[in-house]
Amino acid sequence: MINFDDADVLDTSSKAVRISSGTESALVQLGYRLRVARLRRRDTTETVAHRIGVSRSTYKRMESGSEGVSIGAYFEALNYFGFSSQLFALGDPALDSIGLAYENMSRAKRGKSASARANMRPQS
C-alpha cells in the first residue's frame, strides 16, 4: 500500500504530482532493470533511445528512475526489451486480491440483507 505521508511533490508541466517513497523506490528499481536488460543485450543508450522514440538524455533519466519521464516511455522500453506480457498483467482485475476481497465482502453483506428481508416477509 502506498503511503503519501512521506510523499514529495513533483511539479511537471504545471501539474503537481505526489510521489510516495514507495513509488520512488519502484521507479529506481525499474530503471535498474531497464539498465540490466540493455546491458545484457549489449545495446547502447543511444540505440535503445532511438528505438523507443526518446532522446538519449531521457533514456538515461529512465535508467535512473526519474518520475518526470512519461509512463508511455517506460512502457515502450519494457516492450522493446520483451516484457509486454508483464505489462498486460499490470492492474489485471483478476489479480487484484484486495479489490476482490472487498467485492466479496460487499456481496456477502448484500446477500445477508436480502436473506434477512426474505425472512421478514409474511408467509402465505
Protein backbone atom coordinates (compact mmCIF):
# COMPACT_ATOMS: atom_id res chain seq x y z
CA MET A 1 0.00 0.00 0.00
CA ILE A 2 1.35 3.44 -0.89
CA ASN A 3 1.84 5.89 1.96
CA PHE A 4 1.55 9.51 0.82
CA ASP A 5 2.54 10.92 4.24
CA ASP A 6 6.20 10.98 3.23
CA ALA A 7 5.50 11.99 -0.38
CA ASP A 8 7.40 14.64 -2.30
CA VAL A 9 5.54 16.92 -4.66
CA LEU A 10 6.81 16.94 -8.22
CA ASP A 11 5.81 19.80 -10.49
CA THR A 12 5.56 18.57 -14.08
CA SER A 13 4.09 20.92 -16.66
CA SER A 14 2.02 22.83 -14.09
CA LYS A 15 0.53 19.67 -12.57
CA ALA A 16 1.54 18.75 -9.03
CA VAL A 17 2.14 15.01 -8.67
CA ARG A 18 2.65 13.46 -5.25
CA ILE A 19 5.34 10.79 -5.31
CA SER A 20 5.49 8.46 -2.31
CA SER A 21 8.74 6.89 -1.18
CA GLY A 22 7.36 3.51 -2.30
CA THR A 23 6.70 4.82 -5.79
CA GLU A 24 10.11 6.45 -5.92
CA SER A 25 11.76 3.16 -4.90
CA ALA A 26 9.76 1.27 -7.53
CA LEU A 27 10.88 3.69 -10.24
CA VAL A 28 14.53 3.37 -9.21
CA GLN A 29 14.19 -0.42 -9.31
CA LEU A 30 12.51 -0.24 -12.72
CA GLY A 31 15.32 1.97 -14.00
CA TYR A 32 17.88 -0.52 -12.74
CA ARG A 33 16.04 -3.34 -14.51
CA LEU A 34 15.98 -1.39 -17.76
CA ARG A 35 19.74 -0.89 -17.46
CA VAL A 36 20.34 -4.60 -16.83
CA ALA A 37 18.16 -5.55 -19.80
CA ARG A 38 20.05 -3.09 -22.03
CA LEU A 39 23.48 -4.27 -20.91
CA ARG A 40 22.58 -7.95 -21.30
CA ARG A 41 21.62 -7.23 -24.89
CA ARG A 42 24.79 -5.18 -25.37
CA ASP A 43 22.73 -2.20 -26.55
CA THR A 44 23.90 1.37 -26.12
CA THR A 45 21.74 4.05 -24.55
CA GLU A 46 21.66 5.74 -27.94
CA THR A 47 20.32 2.59 -29.65
CA VAL A 48 17.56 1.99 -27.11
CA ALA A 49 16.59 5.66 -27.02
CA HIS A 50 16.30 5.75 -30.81
CA ARG A 51 14.25 2.55 -30.96
CA ILE A 52 11.76 3.64 -28.31
CA GLY A 53 11.49 7.19 -29.65
CA VAL A 54 13.07 9.27 -26.89
CA SER A 55 16.26 11.28 -26.57
CA ARG A 56 19.38 9.73 -25.10
CA SER A 57 19.13 12.03 -22.07
CA THR A 58 15.53 10.96 -21.47
CA TYR A 59 16.52 7.30 -21.65
CA LYS A 60 19.36 7.90 -19.18
CA ARG A 61 16.82 9.53 -16.84
CA MET A 62 14.65 6.43 -17.22
CA GLU A 63 17.54 4.21 -16.15
CA SER A 64 17.94 6.38 -13.06
CA GLY A 65 14.22 6.02 -12.26
CA SER A 66 13.09 9.56 -12.99
CA GLU A 67 9.46 10.23 -12.13
CA GLY A 68 9.45 13.04 -14.69
CA VAL A 69 9.51 10.65 -17.66
CA SER A 70 6.14 9.64 -19.10
CA ILE A 71 4.74 6.23 -18.31
CA GLY A 72 4.43 5.71 -22.07
CA ALA A 73 8.21 5.97 -22.46
CA TYR A 74 8.73 3.38 -19.71
CA PHE A 75 6.18 1.09 -21.38
CA GLU A 76 7.91 1.50 -24.75
CA ALA A 77 11.23 0.47 -23.19
CA LEU A 78 9.69 -2.54 -21.44
CA ASN A 79 8.01 -3.58 -24.66
CA TYR A 80 11.28 -3.16 -26.58
CA PHE A 81 13.02 -5.50 -24.13
CA GLY A 82 10.26 -8.10 -24.49
CA PHE A 83 8.34 -7.55 -21.26
CA SER A 84 4.96 -6.94 -22.91
CA SER A 85 3.26 -9.90 -21.20
CA GLN A 86 4.17 -8.45 -17.78
CA LEU A 87 2.80 -5.08 -18.89
CA PHE A 88 -0.54 -6.63 -19.76
CA ALA A 89 -0.68 -8.17 -16.28
CA LEU A 90 -0.37 -4.74 -14.61
CA GLY A 91 -3.65 -3.80 -13.00
CA ASP A 92 -5.38 -7.01 -14.12
CA PRO A 93 -8.66 -7.11 -12.15
CA ALA A 94 -8.35 -10.89 -11.81
CA LEU A 95 -5.07 -10.38 -9.90
CA ASP A 96 -6.44 -7.66 -7.58
CA SER A 97 -6.70 -9.71 -4.38
CA ILE A 98 -7.57 -6.71 -2.19
CA GLY A 99 -10.25 -5.46 -4.58
CA LEU A 100 -11.68 -8.97 -4.92
CA ALA A 101 -11.82 -9.30 -1.14
CA TYR A 102 -13.75 -6.02 -0.85
CA GLU A 103 -16.07 -7.11 -3.63
CA ASN A 104 -16.72 -10.44 -1.91
CA MET A 105 -17.41 -8.69 1.42
CA SER A 106 -19.84 -6.35 -0.31
CA ARG A 107 -21.62 -9.25 -1.99
CA ALA A 108 -21.83 -11.10 1.32
CA LYS A 109 -23.39 -8.07 3.02
CA ARG A 110 -25.94 -7.66 0.22
CA GLY A 111 -26.68 -11.36 0.36
CA LYS A 112 -27.30 -11.29 4.12
CA SER A 113 -29.55 -8.27 3.97
CA ALA A 114 -31.53 -9.80 1.11
CA SER A 115 -31.97 -13.06 3.01
CA ALA A 116 -32.86 -11.16 6.17
CA ARG A 117 -35.56 -9.28 4.27
CA ALA A 118 -36.84 -12.55 2.86
CA ASN A 119 -37.18 -13.97 6.36
CA MET A 120 -39.18 -10.94 7.46
CA ARG A 121 -41.85 -11.39 4.74
CA PRO A 122 -45.13 -12.74 5.93
CA GLN A 123 -45.79 -16.34 4.94
CA SER A 124 -48.99 -17.02 2.99
